[in-house]
């Protein structure tokens, strides 16, 4: 008879195979709440699949917040030093019943070397760093300041004048952009592409928006006050773009409206030539610009517009037409002087000077009136066979007889040979 050795209770339990099972008595004992000996419970041989979700009707177990976030009850502020949980509504911080960051009006009560004491509306004492004031304030001056969440050793309320001034400036710029109201600022320096304009904040004035006149030098405005319109404002990116051209254009159009109401056809007004082109000259009438067509520049013949007028010339012009809806004014320079054809009648014998010699004759200008007419080559001499340039030369003075006058077409026929003998 063989005897088996008794098992050592300190030894590890034998491992179960795939075909081994746990006795039902052990399962019942665990389910009844009787703790099983860890040595008696076998380890599972396969991983347990996680459940896809809670069964219908079951209550989901709350997930704890990640580190750094506090479990805050609704309506309660987060714990000090911890950020609010995502999605939680955080009430504005307050100090002494005043919302932090709120801009309030205070009165200067004392000025020291490094700080300025102020008196709040509720009678409390506040303090502002002296360096936040561009100029030394005086006792009794009313100023704006923003409440800060800082501690003061003497228990005073800490405020910021610079921050309040900046926020008020942003509000003023945004309001000007919304209402289209111009702002006054100082041109501080020239930068690449334009100017820096101080409107309480740093604004940028592009070179293209400096003036209505192209080529204006922006450096001429440095150190001067300019009126500008806000064209772009972005507080998040600290960007402000302004335009001086829009202000000048608005002023010009307002002046144009007043001047156009007083301009009538036939009225003569002074003006200054601002530009010339092949089609004529543009004249500034003191706020309204009109065009003098090349056909209305002078009664005489000319080659180019610059032969008659130049930029900067002060001239007297007559209003021909006014189109208020299109803001267009037609002007005439020649009609301010007498028509040289007035008073010229056929049969008159007058002195003239040769202006041009052509193949078919010569053009001559009457010295008395300035009217120009043509002497056909058949009317130059009784002797045939001579070319016009063989008979007369430019600048030569001769006597002519007026043969006919066409005032509508502005043409006049002259004759040299009929001065003494008429056919």
Protein backbone atom coordinates (compact mmCIF):
# COMPACT_ATOMS: atom_id res chain seq x y z
CA UNK A 1 0.00 0.00 0.00
CA UNK A 2 1.48 3.19 -1.17
CA UNK A 3 1.04 6.41 0.72
CA UNK A 4 0.97 9.82 -1.02
CA UNK A 5 2.70 12.75 0.61
CA UNK A 6 0.46 15.43 2.10
CA UNK A 7 0.35 18.68 0.07
CA UNK A 8 2.11 21.69 1.45
CA UNK A 9 -0.50 24.43 2.16
CA UNK A 10 2.09 27.13 1.29
CA UNK A 11 2.59 25.73 -2.21
CA UNK A 12 0.97 27.42 -5.26
CA UNK A 13 -2.31 25.87 -6.39
CA UNK A 14 -2.24 23.76 -9.50
CA UNK A 15 -3.14 25.50 -12.77
CA UNK A 16 -6.38 24.57 -14.48
CA UNK A 17 -6.44 23.40 -18.01
CA UNK A 18 -8.90 24.30 -20.72
CA UNK A 19 -11.06 21.29 -19.86
CA UNK A 20 -10.97 21.90 -16.12
CA UNK A 21 -14.01 23.53 -14.48
CA UNK A 22 -14.65 25.28 -11.21
CA UNK A 23 -16.80 23.24 -8.84
CA UNK A 24 -20.33 24.57 -8.42
CA UNK A 25 -19.86 24.67 -4.67
CA UNK A 26 -17.13 27.24 -5.09
CA UNK A 27 -19.29 29.38 -7.40
CA UNK A 28 -22.17 29.27 -4.94
CA UNK A 29 -19.90 30.21 -2.10
CA UNK A 30 -18.60 33.31 -3.96
CA UNK A 31 -22.08 34.42 -5.01
CA UNK A 32 -23.35 34.08 -1.43
CA UNK A 33 -20.77 36.64 -0.34
CA UNK A 34 -18.37 34.24 1.28
CA UNK A 35 -14.94 35.50 0.30
CA UNK A 36 -12.97 32.87 -1.43
CA UNK A 37 -9.40 32.13 -0.80
CA UNK A 38 -7.40 33.76 -3.64
CA UNK A 39 -5.59 30.50 -3.99
CA UNK A 40 -8.88 28.69 -4.63
CA UNK A 41 -10.12 30.96 -7.46
CA UNK A 42 -8.62 30.16 -10.85
CA UNK A 43 -7.46 32.89 -13.21
CA UNK A 44 -9.39 33.24 -16.49
CA UNK A 45 -7.59 32.00 -19.55
CA UNK A 46 -9.12 34.52 -22.02
CA UNK A 47 -9.59 38.35 -21.78
CA UNK A 48 -13.02 39.57 -20.78
CA UNK A 49 -14.81 41.61 -23.49
CA UNK A 50 -15.89 45.08 -22.25
CA UNK A 51 -19.57 45.93 -22.35
CA UNK A 52 -20.66 48.15 -25.26
CA UNK A 53 -22.93 50.29 -23.11
CA UNK A 54 -25.32 50.32 -20.19
CA UNK A 55 -28.36 48.16 -20.37
CA UNK A 56 -31.72 49.86 -20.98
CA UNK A 57 -32.97 51.47 -17.81
CA UNK A 58 -29.58 51.40 -16.10
CA UNK A 59 -27.97 54.60 -14.73
CA UNK A 60 -24.60 55.47 -16.27
CA UNK A 61 -21.78 55.81 -13.83
CA UNK A 62 -20.42 59.41 -13.79
CA UNK A 63 -16.93 59.91 -15.18
CA UNK A 64 -14.64 61.82 -12.82
CA UNK A 65 -13.22 65.14 -14.16
CA UNK A 66 -9.65 65.16 -15.51
CA UNK A 67 -6.85 66.42 -13.30
CA UNK A 68 -6.80 70.24 -13.00
CA UNK A 69 -10.59 70.63 -13.19
CA UNK A 70 -12.78 70.89 -10.15
CA UNK A 71 -16.20 69.39 -9.70
CA UNK A 72 -18.20 72.58 -9.34
CA UNK A 73 -21.82 72.66 -8.44
CA UNK A 74 -24.08 74.67 -10.78
CA UNK A 75 -23.94 78.37 -10.04
CA UNK A 76 -20.83 78.10 -7.85
CA UNK A 77 -17.45 79.67 -8.79
CA UNK A 78 -14.53 77.30 -9.42
CA UNK A 79 -12.05 76.55 -6.70
CA UNK A 80 -9.24 79.11 -6.41
CA UNK A 81 -6.29 78.38 -8.64
CA UNK A 82 -8.19 75.95 -10.87
CA UNK A 83 -9.68 76.67 -14.29
CA UNK A 84 -13.41 76.19 -14.79
CA UNK A 85 -14.65 72.90 -16.14
CA UNK A 86 -15.39 72.83 -19.88
CA UNK A 87 -18.90 74.07 -20.60
CA UNK A 88 -19.40 75.44 -17.10
CA UNK A 89 -20.79 78.99 -16.86
CA UNK A 90 -18.42 81.04 -14.75
CA UNK A 91 -19.89 84.17 -13.17
CA UNK A 92 -17.79 87.34 -13.50
CA UNK A 93 -15.27 87.83 -10.73
CA UNK A 94 -16.03 90.60 -8.28
CA UNK A 95 -13.98 92.52 -5.78
CA UNK A 96 -15.90 94.29 -3.09
CA UNK A 97 -19.11 93.98 -5.10
CA UNK A 98 -17.59 95.56 -8.24
CA UNK A 99 -17.05 93.50 -11.39
CA UNK A 100 -13.37 93.08 -12.24
CA UNK A 101 -12.52 94.87 -15.49
CA UNK A 102 -15.48 97.22 -15.28
CA UNK A 103 -14.60 100.80 -16.20
CA UNK A 104 -15.69 103.33 -13.60
CA UNK A 105 -15.34 107.08 -13.20
CA UNK A 106 -13.20 108.14 -10.25
CA UNK A 107 -11.76 111.38 -8.87
CA UNK A 108 -8.09 112.00 -8.11
CA UNK A 109 -7.63 112.56 -4.39
CA UNK A 110 -3.81 112.49 -4.03
CA UNK A 111 -0.79 112.36 -6.33
CA UNK A 112 2.53 110.83 -5.25
CA UNK A 113 5.74 110.01 -7.09
CA UNK A 114 4.82 106.40 -7.86
CA UNK A 115 1.07 106.21 -7.36
CA UNK A 116 -2.15 108.18 -7.66
CA UNK A 117 -4.93 107.77 -5.13
CA UNK A 118 -8.51 108.10 -6.33
CA UNK A 119 -11.92 108.15 -4.71
CA UNK A 120 -14.58 105.79 -6.03
CA UNK A 121 -18.27 106.65 -6.21
CA UNK A 122 -19.02 104.59 -3.09
CA UNK A 123 -16.37 106.45 -1.08
CA UNK A 124 -13.67 103.78 -1.12
CA UNK A 125 -10.07 104.64 -1.88
CA UNK A 126 -8.36 103.29 -4.96
CA UNK A 127 -4.80 103.40 -6.23
CA UNK A 128 -3.36 103.65 -9.76
CA UNK A 129 0.35 103.46 -10.74
CA UNK A 130 1.71 106.90 -11.59
CA UNK A 131 3.44 105.58 -14.76
CA UNK A 132 0.06 104.96 -16.41
CA UNK A 133 -0.56 108.69 -16.77
CA UNK A 134 1.06 110.43 -19.77
CA UNK A 135 0.88 113.71 -17.81
CA UNK A 136 0.82 114.35 -14.09
CA UNK A 137 -2.83 114.56 -12.97
CA UNK A 138 -4.16 117.13 -10.54
CA UNK A 139 -6.22 116.60 -7.42
CA UNK A 140 -9.88 116.73 -8.29
CA UNK A 141 -9.47 115.61 -11.91
CA UNK A 142 -12.16 113.13 -13.02
CA UNK A 143 -10.66 110.10 -14.81
CA UNK A 144 -11.70 106.65 -15.97
CA UNK A 145 -10.18 103.50 -14.52
CA UNK A 146 -10.75 99.75 -14.58
CA UNK A 147 -10.93 97.59 -11.48
CA UNK A 148 -8.18 94.95 -11.18
CA UNK A 149 -8.18 91.74 -9.14
CA UNK A 150 -5.05 92.64 -7.18
CA UNK A 151 -4.29 93.01 -3.51
CA UNK A 152 -3.00 96.22 -1.99
CA UNK A 153 -1.09 96.15 1.34
CA UNK A 154 -3.15 99.07 2.60
CA UNK A 155 -6.48 97.53 1.56
CA UNK A 156 -7.10 99.97 -1.26
CA UNK A 157 -8.82 99.07 -4.54
CA UNK A 158 -6.28 98.61 -7.34
CA UNK A 159 -7.29 100.15 -10.69
CA UNK A 160 -5.73 100.72 -14.12
CA UNK A 161 -6.08 103.98 -15.99
CA UNK A 162 -4.11 102.80 -19.08
CA UNK A 163 -6.31 99.77 -19.64
CA UNK A 164 -9.49 101.83 -19.26
CA UNK A 165 -8.13 104.45 -21.65
CA UNK A 166 -7.36 101.76 -24.23
CA UNK A 167 -10.80 100.16 -23.96
CA UNK A 168 -12.52 103.53 -24.28
CA UNK A 169 -10.39 104.21 -27.36
CA UNK A 170 -11.46 100.93 -28.95
CA UNK A 171 -15.09 101.75 -28.23
CA UNK A 172 -14.67 105.18 -29.83
CA UNK A 173 -13.01 103.72 -32.95
CA UNK A 174 -15.64 101.01 -33.35
CA UNK A 175 -18.43 103.55 -32.95
CA UNK A 176 -16.80 105.82 -35.55
CA UNK A 177 -16.60 102.89 -37.99
CA UNK A 178 -20.25 101.98 -37.44
CA UNK A 179 -21.58 105.54 -37.75
CA UNK A 180 -19.19 106.79 -40.43
CA UNK A 181 -17.98 109.62 -38.22
CA UNK A 182 -14.46 110.98 -38.88
CA UNK A 183 -11.78 110.94 -36.17
CA UNK A 184 -8.95 113.39 -35.57
CA UNK A 185 -5.49 111.93 -35.07
CA UNK A 186 -1.83 112.87 -35.27
CA UNK A 187 0.51 111.54 -37.95
CA UNK A 188 3.48 110.25 -35.95
CA UNK A 189 5.83 108.63 -38.47
CA UNK A 190 6.23 107.20 -41.95
CA UNK A 191 6.32 103.42 -42.28
CA UNK A 192 6.46 101.09 -45.24
CA UNK A 193 3.35 101.64 -47.31
CA UNK A 194 1.93 104.60 -45.43
CA UNK A 195 1.70 106.53 -42.16
CA UNK A 196 1.07 105.77 -38.49
CA UNK A 197 -1.89 107.77 -37.15
CA UNK A 198 -2.46 108.12 -33.41
CA UNK A 199 -6.22 108.12 -32.75
CA UNK A 200 -5.83 107.01 -29.16
CA UNK A 201 -4.67 103.74 -30.66
CA UNK A 202 -2.18 102.93 -33.40
CA UNK A 203 -3.85 103.29 -36.79
CA UNK A 204 -2.41 102.73 -40.25
CA UNK A 205 -2.99 105.17 -43.14
CA UNK A 206 -2.00 103.61 -46.51
CA UNK A 207 -0.29 105.87 -49.04
CA UNK A 208 -3.13 105.30 -51.51
CA UNK A 209 -5.61 106.76 -49.00
CA UNK A 210 -3.59 109.85 -48.06
CA UNK A 211 -5.07 112.21 -50.66
CA UNK A 212 -7.27 112.40 -53.74
CA UNK A 213 -4.28 113.67 -55.69
CA UNK A 214 -1.97 110.81 -56.74
CA UNK A 215 1.68 111.17 -55.81
CA UNK A 216 1.14 113.08 -52.55
CA UNK A 217 4.17 112.72 -50.25
CA UNK A 218 2.98 111.21 -46.91
CA UNK A 219 5.97 112.67 -45.03
CA UNK A 220 4.50 116.17 -45.36
CA UNK A 221 1.79 115.18 -42.85
CA UNK A 222 4.13 113.96 -40.09
CA UNK A 223 3.56 115.94 -36.90
CA UNK A 224 0.25 117.41 -38.04
CA UNK A 225 -3.33 116.63 -37.03
CA UNK A 226 -5.37 114.93 -39.74
CA UNK A 227 -9.02 113.99 -39.98
CA UNK A 228 -9.56 110.39 -41.06
CA UNK A 229 -12.34 107.86 -41.59
CA UNK A 230 -12.09 104.37 -40.09
CA UNK A 231 -12.26 101.82 -42.91
CA UNK A 232 -11.26 98.69 -40.99
CA UNK A 233 -11.17 97.80 -37.29
CA UNK A 234 -10.23 94.44 -35.74
CA UNK A 235 -9.83 94.50 -31.97
CA UNK A 236 -8.78 90.84 -31.79
CA UNK A 237 -5.82 91.41 -34.11
CA UNK A 238 -5.15 94.98 -32.90
CA UNK A 239 -5.63 96.36 -36.42
CA UNK A 240 -7.03 99.76 -37.45
CA UNK A 241 -6.95 101.12 -41.01
CA UNK A 242 -7.98 104.73 -41.71
CA UNK A 243 -8.44 106.91 -44.79
CA UNK A 244 -7.82 110.62 -45.22
CA UNK A 245 -8.90 110.51 -48.86
CA UNK A 246 -12.48 109.66 -47.89
CA UNK A 247 -12.66 112.72 -45.64
CA UNK A 248 -11.34 115.00 -48.39
CA UNK A 249 -13.73 113.48 -50.92
CA UNK A 250 -16.70 113.95 -48.60
CA UNK A 251 -15.76 117.60 -48.01
CA UNK A 252 -15.27 118.20 -51.73
CA UNK A 253 -18.62 116.71 -52.64
CA UNK A 254 -20.36 118.75 -49.97
CA UNK A 255 -18.71 121.86 -51.38
CA UNK A 256 -19.56 120.76 -54.92
CA UNK A 257 -23.22 120.52 -54.01
CA UNK A 258 -23.25 124.08 -52.71
CA UNK A 259 -21.33 125.45 -55.70
CA UNK A 260 -23.35 123.57 -58.30
CA UNK A 261 -26.49 125.16 -56.92
CA UNK A 262 -25.04 128.60 -57.72
CA UNK A 263 -23.65 127.87 -61.19
CA UNK A 264 -25.81 128.91 -64.12
CA UNK A 265 -25.09 128.78 -67.88
CA UNK A 266 -23.67 132.08 -69.10
CA UNK A 267 -22.04 133.00 -65.78
CA UNK A 268 -18.33 133.81 -65.86
CA UNK A 269 -16.24 132.55 -62.92
CA UNK A 270 -12.50 132.41 -62.15
CA UNK A 271 -10.68 129.10 -61.94
CA UNK A 272 -7.29 127.40 -61.91
CA UNK A 273 -6.07 124.92 -64.50
CA UNK A 274 -5.31 121.66 -62.67
CA UNK A 275 -4.64 119.32 -65.61
CA UNK A 276 -4.39 119.33 -69.39
CA UNK A 277 -4.94 116.59 -71.96
CA UNK A 278 -5.42 116.21 -75.68
CA UNK A 279 -9.17 116.71 -75.33
CA UNK A 280 -8.93 119.93 -73.30
CA UNK A 281 -8.19 121.36 -69.86
CA UNK A 282 -9.69 120.71 -66.40
CA UNK A 283 -10.32 123.86 -64.37
CA UNK A 284 -10.95 123.96 -60.60
CA UNK A 285 -13.60 126.52 -59.70
CA UNK A 286 -12.90 126.38 -55.97
CA UNK A 287 -14.37 122.98 -55.17
CA UNK A 288 -16.02 122.06 -58.45
CA UNK A 289 -14.05 120.97 -61.47
CA UNK A 290 -15.16 121.61 -65.02
CA UNK A 291 -13.85 120.74 -68.47
CA UNK A 292 -12.87 123.21 -71.15
CA UNK A 293 -12.96 121.26 -74.41
CA UNK A 294 -10.16 122.04 -76.84
CA UNK A 295 -12.70 123.57 -79.22
CA UNK A 296 -13.58 126.10 -76.49
CA UNK A 297 -10.03 127.09 -75.55
CA UNK A 298 -9.43 129.91 -78.03
CA UNK A 299 -10.73 131.44 -81.23
CA UNK A 300 -7.36 130.98 -82.87
CA UNK A 301 -5.76 127.89 -84.31
CA UNK A 302 -3.31 125.93 -82.15
CA UNK A 303 -1.42 122.65 -82.21
CA UNK A 304 -1.50 121.46 -78.59
CA UNK A 305 -3.49 122.43 -75.51
CA UNK A 306 -0.27 123.50 -73.77
CA UNK A 307 0.06 126.23 -76.42
CA UNK A 308 -3.00 127.90 -74.90
CA UNK A 309 -3.00 127.06 -71.16
CA UNK A 310 -0.70 125.35 -68.67
CA UNK A 311 -1.22 123.74 -65.28
CA UNK A 312 -1.45 126.44 -62.60
CA UNK A 313 -2.76 129.19 -64.90
CA UNK A 314 -5.55 131.30 -63.39
CA UNK A 315 -8.21 131.85 -66.06
CA UNK A 316 -11.66 133.35 -66.44
CA UNK A 317 -14.15 130.88 -67.90
CA UNK A 318 -17.80 130.93 -68.88
CA UNK A 319 -20.23 128.21 -67.77
CA UNK A 320 -21.84 126.46 -70.74
CA UNK A 321 -23.76 123.66 -69.03
CA UNK A 322 -24.28 122.20 -65.51
CA UNK A 323 -25.28 118.58 -64.91
CA UNK A 324 -25.96 118.34 -61.17
CA UNK A 325 -26.81 114.63 -61.13
CA UNK A 326 -23.47 113.68 -62.73
CA UNK A 327 -21.60 116.64 -61.18
CA UNK A 328 -20.31 117.75 -64.57
CA UNK A 329 -19.67 121.31 -65.66
CA UNK A 330 -18.86 122.36 -69.23
CA UNK A 331 -16.77 125.52 -69.53
CA UNK A 332 -15.47 127.81 -72.25
CA UNK A 333 -12.37 129.93 -72.22
CA UNK A 334 -12.72 131.58 -75.62
CA UNK A 335 -16.20 132.94 -74.96
CA UNK A 336 -14.84 135.28 -72.32
CA UNK A 337 -13.39 137.33 -75.17
CA UNK A 338 -15.16 138.83 -78.21
CA UNK A 339 -15.72 136.67 -81.24
CA UNK A 340 -13.19 137.86 -83.84
CA UNK A 341 -15.74 137.31 -86.60
CA UNK A 342 -18.10 139.83 -85.04
CA UNK A 343 -17.97 143.07 -87.01
CA UNK A 344 -16.26 141.56 -90.05
CA UNK A 345 -18.33 142.15 -93.18
CA UNK A 346 -17.74 141.30 -96.86
CA UNK A 347 -16.14 144.12 -98.84
CA UNK A 348 -13.96 145.42 -96.02
CA UNK A 349 -10.28 146.01 -96.77
CA UNK A 350 -8.17 145.26 -93.73
CA UNK A 351 -4.56 144.62 -92.72
CA UNK A 352 -3.58 140.99 -92.15
CA UNK A 353 -0.53 138.90 -91.39
CA UNK A 354 0.34 135.59 -93.08
CA UNK A 355 0.12 132.69 -90.59
CA UNK A 356 0.51 129.63 -92.81
CA UNK A 357 1.33 128.89 -96.44
CA UNK A 358 -0.12 125.75 -98.04
CA UNK A 359 -0.19 124.35 -101.56
CA UNK A 360 -3.62 125.81 -102.37
CA UNK A 361 -3.09 129.25 -100.86
CA UNK A 362 -2.26 131.12 -97.62
CA UNK A 363 -4.01 131.60 -94.27
CA UNK A 364 -4.02 135.16 -92.97
CA UNK A 365 -5.14 136.63 -89.66
CA UNK A 366 -6.79 140.04 -89.48
CA UNK A 367 -4.68 142.24 -87.25
CA UNK A 368 -7.61 144.20 -85.89
CA UNK A 369 -10.03 141.42 -84.84
CA UNK A 370 -7.83 138.30 -84.92
CA UNK A 371 -10.15 136.40 -87.30
CA UNK A 372 -8.39 134.04 -89.67
CA UNK A 373 -9.31 133.46 -93.29
CA UNK A 374 -8.00 131.78 -96.43
CA UNK A 375 -6.59 133.51 -99.48
CA UNK A 376 -6.86 130.99 -102.30
CA UNK A 377 -3.90 130.81 -104.65
CA UNK A 378 -6.10 132.29 -107.40
CA UNK A 379 -6.62 135.37 -105.21
CA UNK A 380 -2.96 135.96 -104.43
CA UNK A 381 -1.85 137.47 -107.71
CA UNK A 382 -3.13 138.39 -111.13
CA UNK A 383 -0.08 136.73 -112.65
CA UNK A 384 -0.63 132.96 -112.97
CA UNK A 385 2.05 130.27 -112.70
CA UNK A 386 3.45 131.14 -109.27
CA UNK A 387 3.24 128.91 -106.21
CA UNK A 388 1.88 130.45 -102.99
CA UNK A 389 5.26 130.16 -101.26
CA UNK A 390 6.77 132.20 -104.08
CA UNK A 391 4.34 135.04 -103.47
CA UNK A 392 4.00 135.30 -99.66
CA UNK A 393 5.82 134.06 -96.53
CA UNK A 394 4.68 133.51 -92.91
CA UNK A 395 4.84 136.73 -90.89
CA UNK A 396 4.45 138.99 -93.89
CA UNK A 397 1.94 141.85 -93.58
CA UNK A 398 -0.43 142.41 -96.51
CA UNK A 399 -3.71 144.15 -97.24
CA UNK A 400 -6.67 141.87 -97.95
CA UNK A 401 -10.26 142.27 -98.99
CA UNK A 402 -13.00 140.29 -97.21
CA UNK A 403 -14.87 138.28 -99.83
CA UNK A 404 -17.31 136.24 -97.69
CA UNK A 405 -17.90 135.31 -94.01
CA UNK A 406 -19.49 132.03 -92.80
CA UNK A 407 -19.97 132.55 -89.05
CA UNK A 408 -21.65 129.20 -88.52
CA UNK A 409 -18.75 127.22 -89.99
CA UNK A 410 -16.32 129.92 -88.88
CA UNK A 411 -14.74 130.38 -92.28
CA UNK A 412 -13.77 133.51 -94.16
CA UNK A 413 -12.61 134.08 -97.74
CA UNK A 414 -9.99 136.78 -98.44
CA UNK A 415 -8.32 138.21 -101.51
CA UNK A 416 -5.08 140.09 -102.12
CA UNK A 417 -5.40 140.86 -105.83
CA UNK A 418 -8.83 142.50 -105.43
CA UNK A 419 -7.63 145.11 -102.96
CA UNK A 420 -6.86 147.53 -105.80
CA UNK A 421 -8.86 146.13 -108.70
CA UNK A 422 -12.13 144.23 -108.36
CA UNK A 423 -13.30 141.95 -111.14
